[in-house]
Amino acid sequence: MVIMNEKIRASEVHLTGLRGEDLGIVTRDEALAKARELKVDLVCTSLMSSPPPCKLVSKGQAKQQAGQEKRGAKGNEQPGKVKELRLTPHIEEHDYDTKLRQAVKLLAAGNAVQLVVRLKGKEGPKAKELLERMLKDLAESGKKQSGIQVSGKAAMVQVLPL
């Protein structure tokens, strides 16, 4: 949120010019008059000090910078989603290739991939072997987050993009 022009509530502000020159402490009304005269915006940079530091910025630039910072922060905080690919221990070669291509495509898009093999009976070792093969084939696209987990009904591993 950018506080600018008439939204600034302080009676006095520490004003900085367009080129970074210090214009000293002036009243809010003087600072707004100066901004109107130069056809620029008056932007408050911090509310933590008294009087608050404000600077003159060319029209629209403050909002544009705030939007860019917001978008940048949003991109950093949210990595790709975790997509699940389900396999069976007795998978045909063509189906395996298809799942492998899907996994590579998802990893290239920045998503993490969770490979899950549903188990029936004593298929645990076969499922683990399948996941190890898949991890080996995905080595150029991603790295495993943790080891292969084999529980009663499923074997799974999560792969993160490089």
Protein backbone atom coordinates (compact mmCIF):
# COMPACT_ATOMS: atom_id res chain seq x y z
CA MET A 1 0.00 0.00 0.00
CA VAL A 2 1.47 3.34 -1.09
CA ILE A 3 0.53 6.44 0.90
CA MET A 4 0.61 9.43 -1.43
CA ASN A 5 -0.63 12.98 -1.98
CA GLU A 6 -3.75 13.85 0.08
CA LYS A 7 -3.67 10.51 1.97
CA ILE A 8 -0.62 11.71 3.91
CA ARG A 9 -1.98 12.82 7.30
CA ALA A 10 1.11 14.33 8.99
CA SER A 11 1.19 18.13 9.45
CA GLU A 12 4.92 18.30 8.61
CA VAL A 13 7.02 16.08 6.31
CA HIS A 14 10.74 15.72 5.57
CA LEU A 15 10.76 16.37 1.81
CA THR A 16 13.17 14.95 -0.77
CA GLY A 17 13.20 16.33 -4.33
CA LEU A 18 12.96 14.55 -7.68
CA ARG A 19 16.75 14.10 -7.97
CA GLY A 20 17.23 13.04 -4.34
CA GLU A 21 18.07 16.54 -3.01
CA ASP A 22 17.04 17.29 0.58
CA LEU A 23 14.41 20.06 0.71
CA GLY A 24 14.15 19.97 4.51
CA ILE A 25 11.12 19.83 6.80
CA VAL A 26 8.07 21.56 5.28
CA THR A 27 4.35 21.54 6.00
CA ARG A 28 2.18 18.98 4.26
CA ASP A 29 0.38 21.73 2.32
CA GLU A 30 3.68 23.19 1.04
CA ALA A 31 4.84 19.74 -0.05
CA LEU A 32 1.55 19.09 -1.89
CA ALA A 33 1.73 22.53 -3.56
CA LYS A 34 5.29 21.79 -4.71
CA ALA A 35 4.15 18.39 -6.08
CA ARG A 36 1.26 20.01 -8.01
CA GLU A 37 3.57 22.73 -9.34
CA LEU A 38 6.02 20.13 -10.71
CA LYS A 39 3.13 17.83 -11.83
CA VAL A 40 4.44 14.91 -9.74
CA ASP A 41 3.24 12.74 -6.83
CA LEU A 42 4.16 13.18 -3.17
CA VAL A 43 4.92 9.73 -1.72
CA CYS A 44 5.42 8.86 1.95
CA THR A 45 8.33 6.40 2.25
CA SER A 46 7.96 5.49 5.95
CA LEU A 47 5.46 6.07 8.74
CA MET A 48 7.91 5.05 11.47
CA SER A 49 9.57 8.44 11.99
CA SER A 50 8.37 11.90 12.86
CA PRO A 51 8.16 13.89 10.65
CA PRO A 52 7.62 11.16 8.03
CA PRO A 53 10.07 11.20 5.09
CA CYS A 54 8.32 11.96 1.79
CA LYS A 55 9.70 12.29 -1.72
CA LEU A 56 8.58 13.76 -5.01
CA VAL A 57 8.17 11.04 -7.65
CA SER A 58 7.04 11.37 -11.28
CA LYS A 59 3.33 10.67 -11.83
CA GLY A 60 2.29 7.00 -11.67
CA GLN A 61 5.81 5.74 -10.93
CA ALA A 62 5.11 5.02 -7.24
CA LYS A 63 2.07 2.85 -7.97
CA GLN A 64 3.93 1.04 -10.74
CA GLN A 65 6.88 0.27 -8.41
CA ALA A 66 4.53 -0.95 -5.67
CA GLY A 67 2.79 -3.25 -8.16
CA GLN A 68 6.12 -4.66 -9.33
CA GLU A 69 7.26 -5.29 -5.73
CA LYS A 70 3.96 -7.00 -4.93
CA ARG A 71 4.21 -9.24 -8.00
CA GLY A 72 7.85 -10.04 -7.20
CA ALA A 73 7.00 -10.98 -3.61
CA LYS A 74 4.10 -13.13 -4.77
CA GLY A 75 6.34 -15.01 -7.20
CA ASN A 76 8.91 -15.72 -4.49
CA GLU A 77 6.50 -16.89 -1.83
CA GLN A 78 4.53 -19.39 -3.88
CA PRO A 79 6.51 -22.11 -5.61
CA GLY A 80 4.73 -24.43 -8.03
CA LYS A 81 2.06 -26.81 -6.83
CA VAL A 82 2.59 -30.48 -6.03
CA LYS A 83 1.08 -32.60 -8.81
CA GLU A 84 0.38 -36.27 -8.23
CA LEU A 85 1.05 -38.98 -10.82
CA ARG A 86 -0.36 -42.41 -10.05
CA LEU A 87 1.29 -45.58 -11.29
CA THR A 88 0.76 -49.31 -10.87
CA PRO A 89 3.54 -51.82 -10.11
CA HIS A 90 2.77 -53.84 -13.27
CA ILE A 91 2.92 -50.91 -15.72
CA GLU A 92 3.42 -51.47 -19.45
CA GLU A 93 6.47 -49.89 -21.12
CA HIS A 94 4.42 -47.45 -23.24
CA ASP A 95 2.41 -46.30 -20.22
CA TYR A 96 5.64 -45.84 -18.27
CA ASP A 97 7.02 -43.62 -21.06
CA THR A 98 3.82 -41.56 -21.04
CA LYS A 99 3.98 -41.02 -17.26
CA LEU A 100 7.68 -40.14 -17.55
CA ARG A 101 6.91 -37.50 -20.22
CA GLN A 102 4.13 -36.07 -18.03
CA ALA A 103 6.49 -35.86 -15.06
CA VAL A 104 9.20 -34.11 -17.11
CA LYS A 105 6.63 -31.62 -18.43
CA LEU A 106 5.32 -30.84 -14.92
CA LEU A 107 8.84 -30.42 -13.52
CA ALA A 108 9.80 -28.12 -16.42
CA ALA A 109 6.77 -25.95 -15.55
CA GLY A 110 8.13 -25.54 -12.01
CA ASN A 111 5.74 -27.92 -10.25
CA ALA A 112 6.80 -30.60 -7.80
CA VAL A 113 5.66 -34.12 -8.72
CA GLN A 114 4.51 -36.76 -6.26
CA LEU A 115 4.80 -40.24 -7.74
CA VAL A 116 2.39 -42.66 -6.10
CA VAL A 117 2.18 -46.41 -6.68
CA ARG A 118 -0.96 -48.12 -5.30
CA LEU A 119 -0.17 -51.49 -3.73
CA LYS A 120 -2.13 -54.72 -3.42
CA GLY A 121 -0.70 -57.62 -1.44
CA LYS A 122 3.07 -58.05 -1.58
CA GLU A 123 3.88 -55.58 -4.40
CA GLY A 124 6.07 -53.32 -2.20
CA PRO A 125 9.51 -54.34 -3.58
CA LYS A 126 8.25 -54.12 -7.19
CA ALA A 127 6.80 -50.64 -6.54
CA LYS A 128 10.04 -49.45 -4.94
CA GLU A 129 12.00 -50.74 -7.95
CA LEU A 130 9.62 -48.87 -10.30
CA LEU A 131 10.02 -45.60 -8.36
CA GLU A 132 13.83 -45.95 -8.32
CA ARG A 133 13.79 -46.42 -12.10
CA MET A 134 11.54 -43.37 -12.49
CA LEU A 135 13.86 -41.26 -10.27
CA LYS A 136 16.87 -42.34 -12.34
CA ASP A 137 15.08 -41.35 -15.57
CA LEU A 138 14.01 -37.98 -14.06
CA ALA A 139 17.54 -37.11 -12.85
CA GLU A 140 18.00 -34.34 -15.49
CA SER A 141 14.60 -32.73 -14.69
CA GLY A 142 14.33 -32.96 -10.92
CA LYS A 143 15.70 -34.24 -7.63
CA LYS A 144 13.93 -36.29 -4.98
CA GLN A 145 12.89 -34.42 -1.86
CA SER A 146 13.10 -37.40 0.47
CA GLY A 147 13.48 -41.15 0.23
CA ILE A 148 10.91 -43.56 -1.17
CA GLN A 149 8.22 -44.21 1.43
CA VAL A 150 6.49 -47.58 1.32
CA SER A 151 3.43 -47.89 3.54
CA GLY A 152 0.72 -50.54 3.57
CA LYS A 153 -1.32 -49.30 0.60
CA ALA A 154 1.06 -47.09 -1.37
CA ALA A 155 4.67 -46.33 -2.21
CA MET A 156 5.51 -42.70 -2.93
CA VAL A 157 8.28 -40.21 -3.54
CA GLN A 158 8.22 -36.48 -4.18
CA VAL A 159 10.40 -34.95 -6.90
CA LEU A 160 11.28 -31.25 -6.91
CA PRO A 161 12.19 -29.31 -10.09
CA LEU A 162 15.84 -28.34 -10.56
